[in-house]
Each structure stands twice: as C-alpha cells, then as structure tokens.
C-alpha cells in the first residue's frame, strides 16, 4: 500500500462515526472501520477509482455505510480530506487541504 495521510478533521469524523456505530450495536463500529480501511486500501492502490467531484478532489463510497471517502492526490501520497456522511452537511469539508 502506498502512502496516505488523514486530515485531522477526517480522523475525528472516522472516530466519531465508529463510536456512534459501536454504541448502536456492539461490533458495528469495527465493521465500519474495516469498511473504511478497505476503501482507503482501494484508493491508495487505484487513486483514479474515485469520481472527481471538485478541484482535484475525488469521492469513493464506503461499502455498506452511508459514507464516502474524499481525497486528493498530493506529491507522493494521498491526502484523505473527509469521511463524509452522505446524509448530512455534504459540503462541510470544503476548504480542507
């Protein structure tokens, strides 16, 4: 797997969603984290896989959950900008680098 990094707010979004799912049903938080990890692995291996949505930002859906990974290619790595809930505040991530 190539190199990638999370924006600090994307990391927070990931953690908060995992905690929410775990509180809803024990084990579901781990399934969510596994699904996000699979999504990250996929875009690191195939960076062009996500749909271009704005200014070199791509979106890849997280399988089985209403979330999308928003990322962009930067020299030598991928920058994960947001773990976006598809049902709330769709543009909250705009302006992240």
PDB file of N, CA and C in Angstrom:
ATOM      1  N   UNK A   1       0.846  -1.176   0.000  1.00  0.00           N
ATOM      2  CA  UNK A   1       0.000   0.000   0.000  1.00  0.00           C
ATOM      3  C   UNK A   1       0.887   1.233   0.000  1.00  0.00           C
ATOM      4  N   UNK A   2       0.493   2.200  -0.779  1.00  0.00           N
ATOM      5  CA  UNK A   2       1.250   3.439  -0.837  1.00  0.00           C
ATOM      6  C   UNK A   2       1.012   4.299   0.386  1.00  0.00           C
ATOM      7  N   UNK A   3       1.546   5.476   0.335  1.00  0.00           N
ATOM      8  CA  UNK A   3       1.437   6.384   1.476  1.00  0.00           C
ATOM      9  C   UNK A   3       0.154   7.196   1.407  1.00  0.00           C
ATOM     10  N   UNK A   4      -0.403   7.477   2.599  1.00  0.00           N
ATOM     11  CA  UNK A   4      -1.574   8.333   2.702  1.00  0.00           C
ATOM     12  C   UNK A   4      -1.562   8.991   4.069  1.00  0.00           C
ATOM     13  N   UNK A   5      -2.315  10.067   4.181  1.00  0.00           N
ATOM     14  CA  UNK A   5      -2.467  10.732   5.478  1.00  0.00           C
ATOM     15  C   UNK A   5      -3.891  11.248   5.588  1.00  0.00           C
ATOM     16  N   UNK A   6      -4.341  11.358   6.831  1.00  0.00           N
ATOM     17  CA  UNK A   6      -5.674  11.879   7.116  1.00  0.00           C
ATOM     18  C   UNK A   6      -5.573  13.329   7.564  1.00  0.00           C
ATOM     19  N   UNK A   7      -6.458  14.165   7.064  1.00  0.00           N
ATOM     20  CA  UNK A   7      -6.650  15.487   7.634  1.00  0.00           C
ATOM     21  C   UNK A   7      -7.132  15.252   9.060  1.00  0.00           C
ATOM     22  N   UNK A   8      -6.748  16.104   9.999  1.00  0.00           N
ATOM     23  CA  UNK A   8      -7.109  15.873  11.403  1.00  0.00           C
ATOM     24  C   UNK A   8      -8.623  15.804  11.606  1.00  0.00           C
ATOM     25  N   UNK A   9      -9.386  16.565  10.841  1.00  0.00           N
ATOM     26  CA  UNK A   9     -10.841  16.525  10.970  1.00  0.00           C
ATOM     27  C   UNK A   9     -11.413  15.246  10.364  1.00  0.00           C
ATOM     28  N   UNK A  10     -10.780  14.723   9.341  1.00  0.00           N
ATOM     29  CA  UNK A  10     -11.212  13.438   8.770  1.00  0.00           C
ATOM     30  C   UNK A  10     -10.996  12.332   9.794  1.00  0.00           C
ATOM     31  N   UNK A  11      -9.886  12.384  10.494  1.00  0.00           N
ATOM     32  CA  UNK A  11      -9.614  11.385  11.547  1.00  0.00           C
ATOM     33  C   UNK A  11     -10.679  11.469  12.637  1.00  0.00           C
ATOM     34  N   UNK A  12     -11.055  12.688  13.005  1.00  0.00           N
ATOM     35  CA  UNK A  12     -12.106  12.873  14.012  1.00  0.00           C
ATOM     36  C   UNK A  12     -13.438  12.314  13.511  1.00  0.00           C
ATOM     37  N   UNK A  13     -13.770  12.591  12.246  1.00  0.00           N
ATOM     38  CA  UNK A  13     -15.012  12.068  11.678  1.00  0.00           C
ATOM     39  C   UNK A  13     -15.033  10.542  11.712  1.00  0.00           C
ATOM     40  N   UNK A  14     -13.904   9.948  11.386  1.00  0.00           N
ATOM     41  CA  UNK A  14     -13.783   8.490  11.404  1.00  0.00           C
ATOM     42  C   UNK A  14     -14.033   7.952  12.815  1.00  0.00           C
ATOM     43  N   UNK A  15     -13.373   8.529  13.791  1.00  0.00           N
ATOM     44  CA  UNK A  15     -13.505   8.072  15.176  1.00  0.00           C
ATOM     45  C   UNK A  15     -14.915   8.272  15.713  1.00  0.00           C
ATOM     46  N   UNK A  16     -15.516   9.419  15.435  1.00  0.00           N
ATOM     47  CA  UNK A  16     -16.863   9.702  15.930  1.00  0.00           C
ATOM     48  C   UNK A  16     -17.896   8.756  15.329  1.00  0.00           C
ATOM     49  N   UNK A  17     -17.774   8.477  14.043  1.00  0.00           N
ATOM     50  CA  UNK A  17     -18.717   7.562  13.406  1.00  0.00           C
ATOM     51  C   UNK A  17     -18.548   6.148  13.952  1.00  0.00           C
ATOM     52  N   UNK A  18     -17.314   5.718  14.165  1.00  0.00           N
ATOM     53  CA  UNK A  18     -17.069   4.381  14.719  1.00  0.00           C
ATOM     54  C   UNK A  18     -17.673   4.268  16.120  1.00  0.00           C
ATOM     55  N   UNK A  19     -17.519   5.306  16.927  1.00  0.00           N
ATOM     56  CA  UNK A  19     -18.100   5.298  18.274  1.00  0.00           C
ATOM     57  C   UNK A  19     -19.625   5.246  18.214  1.00  0.00           C
ATOM     58  N   UNK A  20     -20.205   6.012  17.293  1.00  0.00           N
ATOM     59  CA  UNK A  20     -21.655   6.007  17.130  1.00  0.00           C
ATOM     60  C   UNK A  20     -22.150   4.606  16.763  1.00  0.00           C
ATOM     61  N   UNK A  21     -21.539   3.998  15.760  1.00  0.00           N
ATOM     62  CA  UNK A  21     -21.983   2.669  15.330  1.00  0.00           C
ATOM     63  C   UNK A  21     -21.777   1.631  16.426  1.00  0.00           C
ATOM     64  N   UNK A  22     -20.712   1.738  17.165  1.00  0.00           N
ATOM     65  CA  UNK A  22     -20.457   0.787  18.247  1.00  0.00           C
ATOM     66  C   UNK A  22     -21.515   0.929  19.339  1.00  0.00           C
ATOM     67  N   UNK A  23     -21.928   2.165  19.632  1.00  0.00           N
ATOM     68  CA  UNK A  23     -22.976   2.399  20.625  1.00  0.00           C
ATOM     69  C   UNK A  23     -24.322   1.864  20.145  1.00  0.00           C
ATOM     70  N   UNK A  24     -24.555   1.916  18.845  1.00  0.00           N
ATOM     71  CA  UNK A  24     -25.810   1.424  18.282  1.00  0.00           C
ATOM     72  C   UNK A  24     -25.895  -0.097  18.348  1.00  0.00           C
ATOM     73  N   UNK A  25     -24.773  -0.754  18.080  1.00  0.00           N
ATOM     74  CA  UNK A  25     -24.744  -2.222  18.063  1.00  0.00           C
ATOM     75  C   UNK A  25     -23.303  -2.685  18.255  1.00  0.00           C
ATOM     76  N   UNK A  26     -23.016  -3.394  19.337  1.00  0.00           N
ATOM     77  CA  UNK A  26     -21.649  -3.860  19.569  1.00  0.00           C
ATOM     78  C   UNK A  26     -21.097  -4.634  18.367  1.00  0.00           C
ATOM     79  N   UNK A  27     -19.917  -4.247  17.946  1.00  0.00           N
ATOM     80  CA  UNK A  27     -19.269  -4.860  16.781  1.00  0.00           C
ATOM     81  C   UNK A  27     -19.470  -4.082  15.495  1.00  0.00           C
ATOM     82  N   UNK A  28     -20.509  -3.250  15.447  1.00  0.00           N
ATOM     83  CA  UNK A  28     -20.776  -2.496  14.222  1.00  0.00           C
ATOM     84  C   UNK A  28     -19.713  -1.418  13.991  1.00  0.00           C
ATOM     85  N   UNK A  29     -19.174  -0.863  15.059  1.00  0.00           N
ATOM     86  CA  UNK A  29     -18.100   0.117  14.916  1.00  0.00           C
ATOM     87  C   UNK A  29     -16.880  -0.483  14.249  1.00  0.00           C
ATOM     88  N   UNK A  30     -16.553  -1.720  14.612  1.00  0.00           N
ATOM     89  CA  UNK A  30     -15.417  -2.414  13.985  1.00  0.00           C
ATOM     90  C   UNK A  30     -15.696  -2.703  12.514  1.00  0.00           C
ATOM     91  N   UNK A  31     -16.935  -3.065  12.204  1.00  0.00           N
ATOM     92  CA  UNK A  31     -17.292  -3.317  10.794  1.00  0.00           C
ATOM     93  C   UNK A  31     -17.170  -2.036   9.976  1.00  0.00           C
ATOM     94  N   UNK A  32     -17.566  -0.921  10.575  1.00  0.00           N
ATOM     95  CA  UNK A  32     -17.430   0.373   9.906  1.00  0.00           C
ATOM     96  C   UNK A  32     -15.956   0.682   9.646  1.00  0.00           C
ATOM     97  N   UNK A  33     -15.123   0.519  10.659  1.00  0.00           N
ATOM     98  CA  UNK A  33     -13.692   0.784  10.485  1.00  0.00           C
ATOM     99  C   UNK A  33     -13.076  -0.126   9.434  1.00  0.00           C
ATOM    100  N   UNK A  34     -13.484  -1.383   9.395  1.00  0.00           N
ATOM    101  CA  UNK A  34     -12.993  -2.305   8.363  1.00  0.00           C
ATOM    102  C   UNK A  34     -13.409  -1.843   6.969  1.00  0.00           C
ATOM    103  N   UNK A  35     -14.653  -1.362   6.848  1.00  0.00           N
ATOM    104  CA  UNK A  35     -15.139  -0.892   5.545  1.00  0.00           C
ATOM    105  C   UNK A  35     -14.361   0.343   5.088  1.00  0.00           C
ATOM    106  N   UNK A  36     -14.075   1.251   6.006  1.00  0.00           N
ATOM    107  CA  UNK A  36     -13.289   2.442   5.659  1.00  0.00           C
ATOM    108  C   UNK A  36     -11.873   2.034   5.287  1.00  0.00           C
ATOM    109  N   UNK A  37     -11.289   1.112   6.039  1.00  0.00           N
ATOM    110  CA  UNK A  37      -9.938   0.635   5.735  1.00  0.00           C
ATOM    111  C   UNK A  37      -9.884   0.008   4.337  1.00  0.00           C
ATOM    112  N   UNK A  38     -10.894  -0.785   3.987  1.00  0.00           N
ATOM    113  CA  UNK A  38     -10.954  -1.368   2.642  1.00  0.00           C
ATOM    114  C   UNK A  38     -11.040  -0.284   1.578  1.00  0.00           C
ATOM    115  N   UNK A  39     -11.821   0.755   1.859  1.00  0.00           N
ATOM    116  CA  UNK A  39     -11.965   1.868   0.917  1.00  0.00           C
ATOM    117  C   UNK A  39     -10.631   2.595   0.750  1.00  0.00           C
ATOM    118  N   UNK A  40      -9.954   2.864   1.858  1.00  0.00           N
ATOM    119  CA  UNK A  40      -8.643   3.531   1.798  1.00  0.00           C
ATOM    120  C   UNK A  40      -7.666   2.674   1.008  1.00  0.00           C
ATOM    121  N   UNK A  41      -7.632   1.395   1.299  1.00  0.00           N
ATOM    122  CA  UNK A  41      -6.724   0.486   0.589  1.00  0.00           C
ATOM    123  C   UNK A  41      -7.001   0.540  -0.925  1.00  0.00           C
ATOM    124  N   UNK A  42      -8.272   0.563  -1.288  1.00  0.00           N
ATOM    125  CA  UNK A  42      -8.633   0.615  -2.706  1.00  0.00           C
ATOM    126  C   UNK A  42      -8.184   1.879  -3.403  1.00  0.00           C
ATOM    127  N   UNK A  43      -8.361   3.029  -2.760  1.00  0.00           N
ATOM    128  CA  UNK A  43      -7.972   4.281  -3.422  1.00  0.00           C
ATOM    129  C   UNK A  43      -6.470   4.487  -3.414  1.00  0.00           C
ATOM    130  N   UNK A  44      -5.787   3.921  -2.422  1.00  0.00           N
ATOM    131  CA  UNK A  44      -4.328   4.011  -2.439  1.00  0.00           C
ATOM    132  C   UNK A  44      -3.780   3.176  -3.592  1.00  0.00           C
ATOM    133  N   UNK A  45      -4.378   2.011  -3.799  1.00  0.00           N
ATOM    134  CA  UNK A  45      -3.927   1.149  -4.888  1.00  0.00           C
ATOM    135  C   UNK A  45      -4.329   1.697  -6.256  1.00  0.00           C
ATOM    136  N   UNK A  46      -5.532   2.269  -6.341  1.00  0.00           N
ATOM    137  CA  UNK A  46      -6.049   2.820  -7.599  1.00  0.00           C
ATOM    138  C   UNK A  46      -6.580   4.232  -7.352  1.00  0.00           C
ATOM    139  N   UNK A  47      -5.697   5.226  -7.290  1.00  0.00           N
ATOM    140  CA  UNK A  47      -6.121   6.589  -6.946  1.00  0.00           C
ATOM    141  C   UNK A  47      -7.184   7.175  -7.867  1.00  0.00           C
ATOM    142  N   UNK A  48      -7.216   6.753  -9.105  1.00  0.00           N
ATOM    143  CA  UNK A  48      -8.206   7.287 -10.039  1.00  0.00           C
ATOM    144  C   UNK A  48      -9.570   6.634  -9.923  1.00  0.00           C
ATOM    145  N   UNK A  49      -9.750   5.724  -8.975  1.00  0.00           N
ATOM    146  CA  UNK A  49     -11.004   4.982  -8.854  1.00  0.00           C
ATOM    147  C   UNK A  49     -12.172   5.851  -8.410  1.00  0.00           C
ATOM    148  N   UNK A  50     -11.908   6.854  -7.604  1.00  0.00           N
ATOM    149  CA  UNK A  50     -12.988   7.708  -7.120  1.00  0.00           C
ATOM    150  C   UNK A  50     -13.426   8.702  -8.168  1.00  0.00           C
ATOM    151  N   UNK A  51     -14.689   9.083  -8.085  1.00  0.00           N
ATOM    152  CA  UNK A  51     -15.242  10.072  -9.013  1.00  0.00           C
ATOM    153  C   UNK A  51     -14.713  11.459  -8.669  1.00  0.00           C
ATOM    154  N   UNK A  52     -14.275  12.195  -9.672  1.00  0.00           N
ATOM    155  CA  UNK A  52     -13.810  13.568  -9.470  1.00  0.00           C
ATOM    156  C   UNK A  52     -15.042  14.425  -9.171  1.00  0.00           C
ATOM    157  N   UNK A  53     -15.020  15.111  -8.025  1.00  0.00           N
ATOM    158  CA  UNK A  53     -16.193  15.911  -7.671  1.00  0.00           C
ATOM    159  C   UNK A  53     -15.916  17.406  -7.631  1.00  0.00           C
ATOM    160  N   UNK A  54     -14.654  17.798  -7.394  1.00  0.00           N
ATOM    161  CA  UNK A  54     -14.363  19.233  -7.321  1.00  0.00           C
ATOM    162  C   UNK A  54     -12.865  19.457  -7.170  1.00  0.00           C
ATOM    163  N   UNK A  55     -12.300  20.334  -7.973  1.00  0.00           N
ATOM    164  CA  UNK A  55     -10.908  20.781  -7.836  1.00  0.00           C
ATOM    165  C   UNK A  55      -9.935  19.679  -7.416  1.00  0.00           C
ATOM    166  N   UNK A  56      -9.881  18.620  -8.184  1.00  0.00           N
ATOM    167  CA  UNK A  56      -8.965  17.508  -7.934  1.00  0.00           C
ATOM    168  C   UNK A  56      -9.307  16.689  -6.691  1.00  0.00           C
ATOM    169  N   UNK A  57     -10.503  16.861  -6.171  1.00  0.00           N
ATOM    170  CA  UNK A  57     -10.968  16.055  -5.037  1.00  0.00           C
ATOM    171  C   UNK A  57     -11.821  14.928  -5.589  1.00  0.00           C
ATOM    172  N   UNK A  58     -11.529  13.719  -5.125  1.00  0.00           N
ATOM    173  CA  UNK A  58     -12.265  12.535  -5.561  1.00  0.00           C
ATOM    174  C   UNK A  58     -13.093  11.979  -4.415  1.00  0.00           C
ATOM    175  N   UNK A  59     -14.149  11.261  -4.787  1.00  0.00           N
ATOM    176  CA  UNK A  59     -15.042  10.657  -3.808  1.00  0.00           C
ATOM    177  C   UNK A  59     -15.186   9.169  -4.101  1.00  0.00           C
ATOM    178  N   UNK A  60     -15.016   8.370  -3.065  1.00  0.00           N
ATOM    179  CA  UNK A  60     -15.204   6.920  -3.172  1.00  0.00           C
ATOM    180  C   UNK A  60     -16.146   6.498  -2.056  1.00  0.00           C
ATOM    181  N   UNK A  61     -17.207   5.786  -2.408  1.00  0.00           N
ATOM    182  CA  UNK A  61     -18.188   5.356  -1.424  1.00  0.00           C
ATOM    183  C   UNK A  61     -17.625   4.254  -0.541  1.00  0.00           C
ATOM    184  N   UNK A  62     -17.989   4.295   0.729  1.00  0.00           N
ATOM    185  CA  UNK A  62     -17.621   3.264   1.692  1.00  0.00           C
ATOM    186  C   UNK A  62     -18.699   2.190   1.618  1.00  0.00           C
ATOM    187  N   UNK A  63     -18.309   0.992   1.274  1.00  0.00           N
ATOM    188  CA  UNK A  63     -19.263  -0.106   1.079  1.00  0.00           C
ATOM    189  C   UNK A  63     -20.011  -0.435   2.379  1.00  0.00           C
ATOM    190  N   UNK A  64     -21.346  -0.456   2.278  1.00  0.00           N
ATOM    191  CA  UNK A  64     -22.180  -0.881   3.388  1.00  0.00           C
ATOM    192  C   UNK A  64     -22.553   0.200   4.389  1.00  0.00           C
ATOM    193  N   UNK A  65     -22.066   1.413   4.201  1.00  0.00           N
ATOM    194  CA  UNK A  65     -22.351   2.510   5.122  1.00  0.00           C
ATOM    195  C   UNK A  65     -22.617   3.779   4.316  1.00  0.00           C
ATOM    196  N   UNK A  66     -23.418   4.703   4.870  1.00  0.00           N
ATOM    197  CA  UNK A  66     -23.736   5.934   4.128  1.00  0.00           C
ATOM    198  C   UNK A  66     -22.635   6.992   4.251  1.00  0.00           C
ATOM    199  N   UNK A  67     -21.420   6.599   3.889  1.00  0.00           N
ATOM    200  CA  UNK A  67     -20.262   7.481   3.975  1.00  0.00           C
ATOM    201  C   UNK A  67     -19.464   7.417   2.687  1.00  0.00           C
ATOM    202  N   UNK A  68     -18.708   8.468   2.453  1.00  0.00           N
ATOM    203  CA  UNK A  68     -17.786   8.500   1.322  1.00  0.00           C
ATOM    204  C   UNK A  68     -16.454   9.038   1.808  1.00  0.00           C
ATOM    205  N   UNK A  69     -15.417   8.525   1.205  1.00  0.00           N
ATOM    206  CA  UNK A  69     -14.055   8.989   1.460  1.00  0.00           C
ATOM    207  C   UNK A  69     -13.763  10.081   0.434  1.00  0.00           C
ATOM    208  N   UNK A  70     -13.379  11.253   0.895  1.00  0.00           N
ATOM    209  CA  UNK A  70     -12.993  12.340  -0.006  1.00  0.00           C
ATOM    210  C   UNK A  70     -11.491  12.491   0.085  1.00  0.00           C
ATOM    211  N   UNK A  71     -10.823  12.497  -1.058  1.00  0.00           N
ATOM    212  CA  UNK A  71      -9.364  12.514  -1.050  1.00  0.00           C
ATOM    213  C   UNK A  71      -8.836  13.231  -2.273  1.00  0.00           C
ATOM    214  N   UNK A  72      -7.562  13.572  -2.202  1.00  0.00           N
ATOM    215  CA  UNK A  72      -6.876  14.161  -3.349  1.00  0.00           C
ATOM    216  C   UNK A  72      -5.457  13.628  -3.380  1.00  0.00           C
ATOM    217  N   UNK A  73      -4.909  13.593  -4.569  1.00  0.00           N
ATOM    218  CA  UNK A  73      -3.521  13.180  -4.720  1.00  0.00           C
ATOM    219  C   UNK A  73      -2.626  14.387  -4.488  1.00  0.00           C
ATOM    220  N   UNK A  74      -1.628  14.203  -3.660  1.00  0.00           N
ATOM    221  CA  UNK A  74      -0.591  15.207  -3.447  1.00  0.00           C
ATOM    222  C   UNK A  74       0.731  14.503  -3.724  1.00  0.00           C
ATOM    223  N   UNK A  75       1.798  15.222  -3.985  1.00  0.00           N
ATOM    224  CA  UNK A  75       3.046  14.562  -4.371  1.00  0.00           C
ATOM    225  C   UNK A  75       3.453  13.433  -3.408  1.00  0.00           C
ATOM    226  N   UNK A  76       3.506  12.229  -3.943  1.00  0.00           N
ATOM    227  CA  UNK A  76       3.986  11.078  -3.205  1.00  0.00           C
ATOM    228  C   UNK A  76       3.003  10.384  -2.286  1.00  0.00           C
ATOM    229  N   UNK A  77       1.759  10.885  -2.202  1.00  0.00           N
ATOM    230  CA  UNK A  77       0.803  10.253  -1.299  1.00  0.00           C
ATOM    231  C   UNK A  77      -0.618  10.728  -1.602  1.00  0.00           C
ATOM    232  N   UNK A  78      -1.569  10.145  -0.891  1.00  0.00           N
ATOM    233  CA  UNK A  78      -2.955  10.596  -0.944  1.00  0.00           C
ATOM    234  C   UNK A  78      -3.266  11.327   0.357  1.00  0.00           C
ATOM    235  N   UNK A  79      -4.052  12.362   0.255  1.00  0.00           N
ATOM    236  CA  UNK A  79      -4.495  13.109   1.427  1.00  0.00           C
ATOM    237  C   UNK A  79      -5.990  12.866   1.578  1.00  0.00           C
ATOM    238  N   UNK A  80      -6.390  12.238   2.672  1.00  0.00           N
ATOM    239  CA  UNK A  80      -7.798  11.975   2.944  1.00  0.00           C
ATOM    240  C   UNK A  80      -8.352  13.207   3.640  1.00  0.00           C
ATOM    241  N   UNK A  81      -9.267  13.880   2.950  1.00  0.00           N
ATOM    242  CA  UNK A  81      -9.780  15.158   3.428  1.00  0.00           C
ATOM    243  C   UNK A  81     -10.969  15.016   4.354  1.00  0.00           C
ATOM    244  N   UNK A  82     -11.807  14.005   4.109  1.00  0.00           N
ATOM    245  CA  UNK A  82     -13.029  13.860   4.908  1.00  0.00           C
ATOM    246  C   UNK A  82     -13.550  12.432   4.800  1.00  0.00           C
ATOM    247  N   UNK A  83     -14.250  12.039   5.853  1.00  0.00           N
ATOM    248  CA  UNK A  83     -15.074  10.840   5.839  1.00  0.00           C
ATOM    249  C   UNK A  83     -16.488  11.404   5.929  1.00  0.00           C
ATOM    250  N   UNK A  84     -17.103  11.600   4.784  1.00  0.00           N
ATOM    251  CA  UNK A  84     -18.333  12.372   4.682  1.00  0.00           C
ATOM    252  C   UNK A  84     -19.566  11.507   4.873  1.00  0.00           C
ATOM    253  N   UNK A  85     -20.426  11.926   5.793  1.00  0.00           N
ATOM    254  CA  UNK A  85     -21.733  11.311   5.935  1.00  0.00           C
ATOM    255  C   UNK A  85     -22.572  11.807   4.762  1.00  0.00           C
ATOM    256  N   UNK A  86     -23.096  10.887   3.975  1.00  0.00           N
ATOM    257  CA  UNK A  86     -23.819  11.265   2.767  1.00  0.00           C
ATOM    258  C   UNK A  86     -25.186  11.867   3.041  1.00  0.00           C
ATOM    259  N   UNK A  87     -25.651  11.775   4.283  1.00  0.00           N
ATOM    260  CA  UNK A  87     -26.976  12.275   4.616  1.00  0.00           C
ATOM    261  C   UNK A  87     -26.961  13.597   5.378  1.00  0.00           C
ATOM    262  N   UNK A  88     -25.764  14.112   5.711  1.00  0.00           N
ATOM    263  CA  UNK A  88     -25.672  15.360   6.469  1.00  0.00           C
ATOM    264  C   UNK A  88     -24.572  16.249   5.918  1.00  0.00           C
ATOM    265  N   UNK A  89     -24.790  17.518   5.908  1.00  0.00           N
ATOM    266  CA  UNK A  89     -23.793  18.545   5.566  1.00  0.00           C
ATOM    267  C   UNK A  89     -22.825  18.122   4.456  1.00  0.00           C
ATOM    268  N   UNK A  90     -23.299  17.990   3.245  1.00  0.00           N
ATOM    269  CA  UNK A  90     -22.448  17.445   2.190  1.00  0.00           C
ATOM    270  C   UNK A  90     -21.228  18.277   1.818  1.00  0.00           C
ATOM    271  N   UNK A  91     -21.199  19.553   2.107  1.00  0.00           N
ATOM    272  CA  UNK A  91     -20.043  20.372   1.722  1.00  0.00           C
ATOM    273  C   UNK A  91     -19.241  20.861   2.927  1.00  0.00           C
ATOM    274  N   UNK A  92     -19.401  20.248   4.074  1.00  0.00           N
ATOM    275  CA  UNK A  92     -18.698  20.719   5.268  1.00  0.00           C
ATOM    276  C   UNK A  92     -17.185  20.638   5.142  1.00  0.00           C
ATOM    277  N   UNK A  93     -16.711  19.825   4.258  1.00  0.00           N
ATOM    278  CA  UNK A  93     -15.266  19.591   4.100  1.00  0.00           C
ATOM    279  C   UNK A  93     -14.584  20.614   3.192  1.00  0.00           C
ATOM    280  N   UNK A  94     -15.359  21.386   2.463  1.00  0.00           N
ATOM    281  CA  UNK A  94     -14.779  22.339   1.500  1.00  0.00           C
ATOM    282  C   UNK A  94     -13.766  23.244   2.198  1.00  0.00           C
ATOM    283  N   UNK A  95     -12.639  23.424   1.594  1.00  0.00           N
ATOM    284  CA  UNK A  95     -11.578  24.262   2.151  1.00  0.00           C
ATOM    285  C   UNK A  95     -10.488  23.487   2.855  1.00  0.00           C
ATOM    286  N   UNK A  96     -10.672  22.192   3.020  1.00  0.00           N
ATOM    287  CA  UNK A  96      -9.618  21.385   3.658  1.00  0.00           C
ATOM    288  C   UNK A  96      -8.522  21.094   2.673  1.00  0.00           C
ATOM    289  N   UNK A  97      -7.317  21.071   3.137  1.00  0.00           N
ATOM    290  CA  UNK A  97      -6.150  20.764   2.311  1.00  0.00           C
ATOM    291  C   UNK A  97      -5.504  19.500   2.801  1.00  0.00           C
TER     292      UNK A  97
END
